[in-house]
Amino acid sequence: MTLSVFLQHCLTGISLGGAYALIAIGYTMVYGILRLINFAHGDIFMMAGYFMIFAMVSFPWYVAIPLVLIATVLLGVFIERAAYKPLRNAPRMSIMISAIGVSYLLQNLATYLFTALPRGYPTIPILKKIFQIGPLSASLVTFITPVLTLALVYLLVFLINHSKVGMAMRAVSRDFETAQLMGIKINRVITITFAIGSLLAAVGSILYFTDRMAVFPFSGALPGLKCFVAAVLGGIGSIPGAMVGGFILGLGETALVALGYSTFSDAFTFVLLILMLLIRPTGLFGEKVTDKV
């Protein structure tokens, strides 16, 4: 394998990992505050793909993209209000079952509304423009994905560490009941968390589907599971960890495809999950929890 081919595969892997990272952050943020695995998150990502398909029919891409971001945020907030907020004081298992139910609801709703046949993802001209940097040749979306991912993660970490909303998020993630007693508006904090996670899922959807060019009702299921694995790999609850986990998965999958083992690229994700749980259950950046007697 020549150096240029190796670098080309690395670029592809980093680009895929960036899309995974943006979706994984949604899992890790919701878990950090609610201790809930939002199994519907991958399907919100899928619905963002359909939103773009229909938005591009009526609007140019520079209008369609903001509309898709807003629609996806509204969908995420609506799901939180309708399916999770009424169960705020219910056992954690009830909320998890609700999340699984929402996931199947979105998949079947998409099948009913859009049929099970794959629909072509619209071409966003600026993202598909081919650029040449030295020996590397790829569309703009491939180059821009890792840069955009790093920029969004930096902004998100800055928001959490240097704003009142971020302080409230950190307080709620540490102690839900005490934060509520101290006057923090829990429902507002949770809504903002879902809104940010859904926004990142929408951005990840645009970057992911631009290269894959097809959306179908179950196209969010496997990427959603992989991004959950990325969040666990990095240490669920850690935003930088979710980013690193996404890049690891993207590079690993691309390496297997490059070596001719594309059949095992999906299995690689779950083998990595098992190994991580055996060796370091808290993930790469997770905090070690000690039980007090």
Protein backbone atom coordinates (compact mmCIF):
# COMPACT_ATOMS: atom_id res chain seq x y z
CA MET A 1 0.00 0.00 0.00
CA THR A 2 1.48 3.33 -1.06
CA LEU A 3 1.63 6.34 1.28
CA SER A 4 -0.98 8.26 -0.73
CA VAL A 5 -3.44 5.35 -0.57
CA PHE A 6 -2.80 4.98 3.18
CA LEU A 7 -3.45 8.70 3.73
CA GLN A 8 -6.60 8.52 1.60
CA HIS A 9 -7.99 5.71 3.76
CA CYS A 10 -7.02 7.60 6.94
CA LEU A 11 -8.90 10.66 5.69
CA THR A 12 -11.98 8.56 4.91
CA GLY A 13 -11.83 6.92 8.35
CA ILE A 14 -11.44 10.24 10.18
CA SER A 15 -14.37 11.68 8.20
CA LEU A 16 -16.63 8.72 9.05
CA GLY A 17 -15.46 8.89 12.67
CA GLY A 18 -16.37 12.58 12.83
CA ALA A 19 -19.98 11.82 11.83
CA TYR A 20 -20.10 9.00 14.41
CA ALA A 21 -18.69 11.33 17.07
CA LEU A 22 -21.40 13.97 16.57
CA ILE A 23 -24.13 11.35 17.02
CA ALA A 24 -22.35 9.69 19.97
CA ILE A 25 -22.26 13.01 21.84
CA GLY A 26 -26.08 12.98 21.90
CA TYR A 27 -26.04 9.60 23.66
CA THR A 28 -23.40 10.65 26.16
CA MET A 29 -25.08 13.99 27.05
CA VAL A 30 -28.48 12.43 27.74
CA TYR A 31 -26.90 9.64 29.75
CA GLY A 32 -24.81 12.13 31.72
CA ILE A 33 -27.92 13.96 32.93
CA LEU A 34 -30.75 11.41 32.95
CA ARG A 35 -28.74 8.16 33.20
CA LEU A 36 -30.82 7.12 30.19
CA ILE A 37 -29.66 5.42 26.99
CA ASN A 38 -31.80 7.23 24.42
CA PHE A 39 -32.28 4.37 21.96
CA ALA A 40 -34.38 6.65 19.73
CA HIS A 41 -31.36 8.88 19.02
CA GLY A 42 -30.31 6.90 15.92
CA ASP A 43 -33.84 7.24 14.56
CA ILE A 44 -33.80 11.02 15.09
CA PHE A 45 -30.65 10.93 12.94
CA MET A 46 -32.60 8.92 10.33
CA MET A 47 -35.55 11.35 10.38
CA ALA A 48 -33.12 14.24 9.79
CA GLY A 49 -32.18 12.47 6.55
CA TYR A 50 -35.82 12.44 5.43
CA PHE A 51 -36.26 16.07 6.47
CA MET A 52 -33.41 17.01 4.14
CA ILE A 53 -34.88 15.01 1.25
CA PHE A 54 -38.17 16.91 1.44
CA ALA A 55 -36.64 20.29 2.30
CA MET A 56 -34.42 20.19 -0.80
CA VAL A 57 -37.49 19.67 -3.01
CA SER A 58 -38.78 23.16 -2.20
CA PHE A 59 -35.75 25.14 -1.05
CA PRO A 60 -32.12 25.70 -2.06
CA TRP A 61 -29.54 23.93 0.11
CA TYR A 62 -28.58 27.04 2.12
CA VAL A 63 -32.22 27.40 3.25
CA ALA A 64 -32.89 23.66 3.57
CA ILE A 65 -29.99 23.01 5.98
CA PRO A 66 -31.18 25.47 8.69
CA LEU A 67 -34.76 24.17 8.28
CA VAL A 68 -33.58 20.58 8.78
CA LEU A 69 -31.57 21.55 11.87
CA ILE A 70 -34.59 23.33 13.39
CA ALA A 71 -37.01 20.48 12.51
CA THR A 72 -34.69 17.87 14.05
CA VAL A 73 -34.28 19.90 17.25
CA LEU A 74 -38.07 20.26 17.51
CA LEU A 75 -38.49 16.51 17.00
CA GLY A 76 -35.97 15.72 19.74
CA VAL A 77 -37.60 18.17 22.18
CA PHE A 78 -41.08 16.83 21.35
CA ILE A 79 -39.95 13.24 22.02
CA GLU A 80 -38.47 14.29 25.37
CA ARG A 81 -41.66 16.11 26.39
CA ALA A 82 -44.05 13.41 25.18
CA ALA A 83 -42.22 10.17 26.04
CA TYR A 84 -39.67 10.93 28.80
CA LYS A 85 -40.94 13.89 30.85
CA PRO A 86 -44.10 12.08 32.11
CA LEU A 87 -41.82 9.27 33.38
CA ARG A 88 -39.38 11.58 35.20
CA ASN A 89 -40.08 9.95 38.59
CA ALA A 90 -40.71 6.44 37.23
CA PRO A 91 -38.18 3.60 37.62
CA ARG A 92 -35.26 3.88 35.20
CA MET A 93 -36.32 0.70 33.42
CA SER A 94 -39.65 2.31 32.48
CA ILE A 95 -37.87 5.23 30.78
CA MET A 96 -35.59 2.83 28.91
CA ILE A 97 -38.59 0.82 27.67
CA SER A 98 -40.18 4.09 26.56
CA ALA A 99 -37.00 4.94 24.60
CA ILE A 100 -37.12 1.58 22.81
CA GLY A 101 -40.81 2.17 22.06
CA VAL A 102 -40.07 5.60 20.56
CA SER A 103 -37.34 4.05 18.41
CA TYR A 104 -39.73 1.47 16.94
CA LEU A 105 -42.44 4.12 16.57
CA LEU A 106 -40.16 6.36 14.47
CA GLN A 107 -39.01 3.43 12.32
CA ASN A 108 -42.57 2.27 11.63
CA LEU A 109 -43.84 5.82 11.14
CA ALA A 110 -41.12 6.40 8.55
CA THR A 111 -42.01 3.10 6.84
CA TYR A 112 -45.69 4.11 6.74
CA LEU A 113 -45.07 7.65 5.50
CA PHE A 114 -42.12 7.11 3.14
CA THR A 115 -42.29 3.32 2.38
CA ALA A 116 -39.40 0.93 3.05
CA LEU A 117 -37.70 1.65 -0.27
CA PRO A 118 -34.44 3.64 -0.02
CA ARG A 119 -34.80 7.26 -1.12
CA GLY A 120 -31.93 9.09 -2.75
CA TYR A 121 -30.33 11.72 -0.54
CA PRO A 122 -30.18 15.09 -2.34
CA THR A 123 -26.84 16.40 -3.54
CA ILE A 124 -25.63 19.46 -1.69
CA PRO A 125 -23.38 20.99 -4.36
CA ILE A 126 -20.87 22.68 -2.09
CA LEU A 127 -20.29 19.52 -0.01
CA LYS A 128 -19.80 17.28 -3.07
CA LYS A 129 -17.24 19.56 -4.72
CA ILE A 130 -13.97 17.65 -5.25
CA PHE A 131 -10.80 19.10 -3.76
CA GLN A 132 -7.18 18.07 -4.24
CA ILE A 133 -4.67 18.55 -1.41
CA GLY A 134 -1.33 17.05 -2.40
CA PRO A 135 -1.87 13.35 -3.10
CA LEU A 136 -5.30 13.41 -1.43
CA SER A 137 -8.45 13.83 -3.48
CA ALA A 138 -11.90 13.87 -1.89
CA SER A 139 -15.15 15.81 -1.70
CA LEU A 140 -15.34 18.81 0.61
CA VAL A 141 -17.56 16.90 3.07
CA THR A 142 -14.71 14.43 3.69
CA PHE A 143 -12.27 17.22 4.52
CA ILE A 144 -14.72 19.35 6.49
CA THR A 145 -16.27 16.63 8.72
CA PRO A 146 -13.35 16.17 11.19
CA VAL A 147 -12.74 19.95 11.33
CA LEU A 148 -16.41 20.67 11.98
CA THR A 149 -16.57 17.90 14.59
CA LEU A 150 -13.60 19.30 16.51
CA ALA A 151 -15.02 22.83 16.32
CA LEU A 152 -18.47 21.77 17.59
CA VAL A 153 -16.98 19.68 20.41
CA TYR A 154 -14.80 22.64 21.46
CA LEU A 155 -17.85 24.96 21.49
CA LEU A 156 -19.89 22.43 23.43
CA VAL A 157 -17.18 21.89 26.06
CA PHE A 158 -16.77 25.68 26.33
CA LEU A 159 -20.55 26.03 26.80
CA ILE A 160 -20.62 23.40 29.54
CA ASN A 161 -17.61 24.80 31.40
CA HIS A 162 -18.19 28.55 31.03
CA SER A 163 -21.93 29.26 30.99
CA LYS A 164 -24.83 29.19 33.44
CA VAL A 165 -26.62 26.54 31.37
CA GLY A 166 -23.45 24.42 31.38
CA MET A 167 -23.09 24.86 35.12
CA ALA A 168 -26.70 23.72 35.56
CA MET A 169 -26.03 20.69 33.33
CA ARG A 170 -23.00 19.72 35.41
CA ALA A 171 -24.96 20.15 38.64
CA VAL A 172 -27.86 18.00 37.38
CA SER A 173 -25.47 15.30 36.15
CA ARG A 174 -23.81 15.16 39.60
CA ASP A 175 -26.94 15.10 41.75
CA PHE A 176 -30.39 15.35 40.20
CA GLU A 177 -32.37 15.81 43.44
CA THR A 178 -30.00 18.29 45.09
CA ALA A 179 -29.85 20.41 41.91
CA GLN A 180 -33.64 20.56 41.93
CA LEU A 181 -33.68 21.60 45.60
CA MET A 182 -31.15 24.36 44.83
CA GLY A 183 -33.61 25.95 42.39
CA ILE A 184 -32.25 24.65 39.07
CA LYS A 185 -35.05 24.21 36.54
CA ILE A 186 -34.54 20.54 35.79
CA ASN A 187 -37.01 20.32 32.91
CA ARG A 188 -35.39 23.28 31.15
CA VAL A 189 -31.92 21.77 31.49
CA ILE A 190 -33.09 18.41 30.13
CA THR A 191 -34.89 20.08 27.21
CA ILE A 192 -31.72 22.02 26.30
CA THR A 193 -29.71 18.79 26.51
CA PHE A 194 -32.06 17.01 24.09
CA ALA A 195 -32.05 20.04 21.79
CA ILE A 196 -28.23 20.10 21.61
CA GLY A 197 -28.05 16.33 21.08
CA SER A 198 -30.66 16.48 18.30
CA LEU A 199 -28.86 19.41 16.65
CA LEU A 200 -25.60 17.45 16.56
CA ALA A 201 -27.46 14.39 15.22
CA ALA A 202 -28.85 16.55 12.40
CA VAL A 203 -25.37 17.85 11.52
CA GLY A 204 -24.02 14.28 11.67
CA SER A 205 -26.89 13.14 9.43
CA ILE A 206 -26.03 15.71 6.73
CA LEU A 207 -22.35 14.73 6.80
CA TYR A 208 -23.07 10.98 6.89
CA PHE A 209 -25.77 10.74 4.20
CA THR A 210 -24.02 13.13 1.81
CA ASP A 211 -21.45 10.38 1.22
CA ARG A 212 -23.90 7.44 1.33
CA MET A 213 -26.69 8.99 -0.76
CA ALA A 214 -29.63 6.85 0.45
CA VAL A 215 -32.06 6.98 3.39
CA PHE A 216 -34.51 4.26 4.47
CA PRO A 217 -36.53 3.78 7.68
CA PHE A 218 -33.92 1.57 9.35
CA SER A 219 -30.85 3.51 8.20
CA GLY A 220 -30.44 4.96 11.68
CA ALA A 221 -30.50 1.65 13.58
CA LEU A 222 -26.97 0.36 12.93
CA PRO A 223 -25.22 3.77 12.96
CA GLY A 224 -27.12 4.51 16.16
CA LEU A 225 -25.81 1.34 17.81
CA LYS A 226 -22.29 2.07 16.60
CA CYS A 227 -22.44 5.58 18.04
CA PHE A 228 -23.67 4.16 21.34
CA VAL A 229 -20.62 1.88 21.28
CA ALA A 230 -18.44 4.93 20.54
CA ALA A 231 -19.90 6.68 23.60
CA VAL A 232 -19.23 3.62 25.79
CA LEU A 233 -15.75 3.25 24.32
CA GLY A 234 -14.82 6.82 25.20
CA GLY A 235 -16.51 6.66 28.60
CA ILE A 236 -20.23 7.36 28.51
CA GLY A 237 -20.89 10.76 30.03
CA SER A 238 -17.65 12.21 28.61
CA ILE A 239 -18.01 14.47 25.56
CA PRO A 240 -14.32 14.30 24.52
CA GLY A 241 -14.52 10.54 25.10
CA ALA A 242 -17.47 10.21 22.70
CA MET A 243 -15.50 12.13 20.08
CA VAL A 244 -12.42 9.92 20.48
CA GLY A 245 -14.60 6.79 20.43
CA GLY A 246 -16.22 7.92 17.17
CA PHE A 247 -12.85 8.49 15.51
CA ILE A 248 -11.57 5.08 16.69
CA LEU A 249 -14.60 3.32 15.20
CA GLY A 250 -14.37 5.24 11.92
CA LEU A 251 -10.67 4.49 11.48
CA GLY A 252 -11.10 0.83 12.49
CA GLU A 253 -13.97 0.21 10.07
CA THR A 254 -12.16 1.93 7.21
CA ALA A 255 -8.98 -0.06 7.91
CA LEU A 256 -10.90 -3.34 7.68
CA VAL A 257 -12.52 -2.28 4.39
CA ALA A 258 -9.12 -1.23 3.01
CA LEU A 259 -7.63 -4.62 3.94
CA GLY A 260 -10.46 -6.48 2.21
CA TYR A 261 -12.39 -7.49 5.35
CA SER A 262 -15.45 -5.32 4.79
CA THR A 263 -17.69 -8.24 5.84
CA PHE A 264 -16.38 -7.88 9.38
CA SER A 265 -16.50 -4.07 9.61
CA ASP A 266 -19.78 -4.08 11.57
CA ALA A 267 -18.70 -6.97 13.79
CA PHE A 268 -15.51 -5.06 14.65
CA THR A 269 -17.58 -2.43 16.47
CA PHE A 270 -19.20 -4.93 18.82
CA VAL A 271 -16.03 -6.97 19.38
CA LEU A 272 -14.39 -3.70 20.43
CA LEU A 273 -17.30 -3.05 22.81
CA ILE A 274 -16.91 -6.46 24.47
CA LEU A 275 -13.14 -6.02 24.85
CA MET A 276 -13.57 -2.55 26.34
CA LEU A 277 -16.16 -3.79 28.85
CA LEU A 278 -13.82 -6.61 29.86
CA ILE A 279 -10.66 -4.50 30.14
CA ARG A 280 -11.93 -1.04 31.16
CA PRO A 281 -15.70 -0.94 31.81
CA THR A 282 -15.71 2.83 32.45
CA GLY A 283 -14.27 3.57 28.98
CA LEU A 284 -11.16 5.52 28.02
CA PHE A 285 -12.20 8.80 29.68
CA GLY A 286 -14.80 7.54 32.15
CA GLU A 287 -14.52 8.21 35.85
CA LYS A 288 -13.90 5.26 38.10
CA VAL A 289 -16.80 4.91 40.53
CA THR A 290 -16.17 3.52 44.01
CA ASP A 291 -19.08 2.13 45.99
CA LYS A 292 -19.35 3.50 49.52
CA VAL A 293 -20.21 1.05 52.26
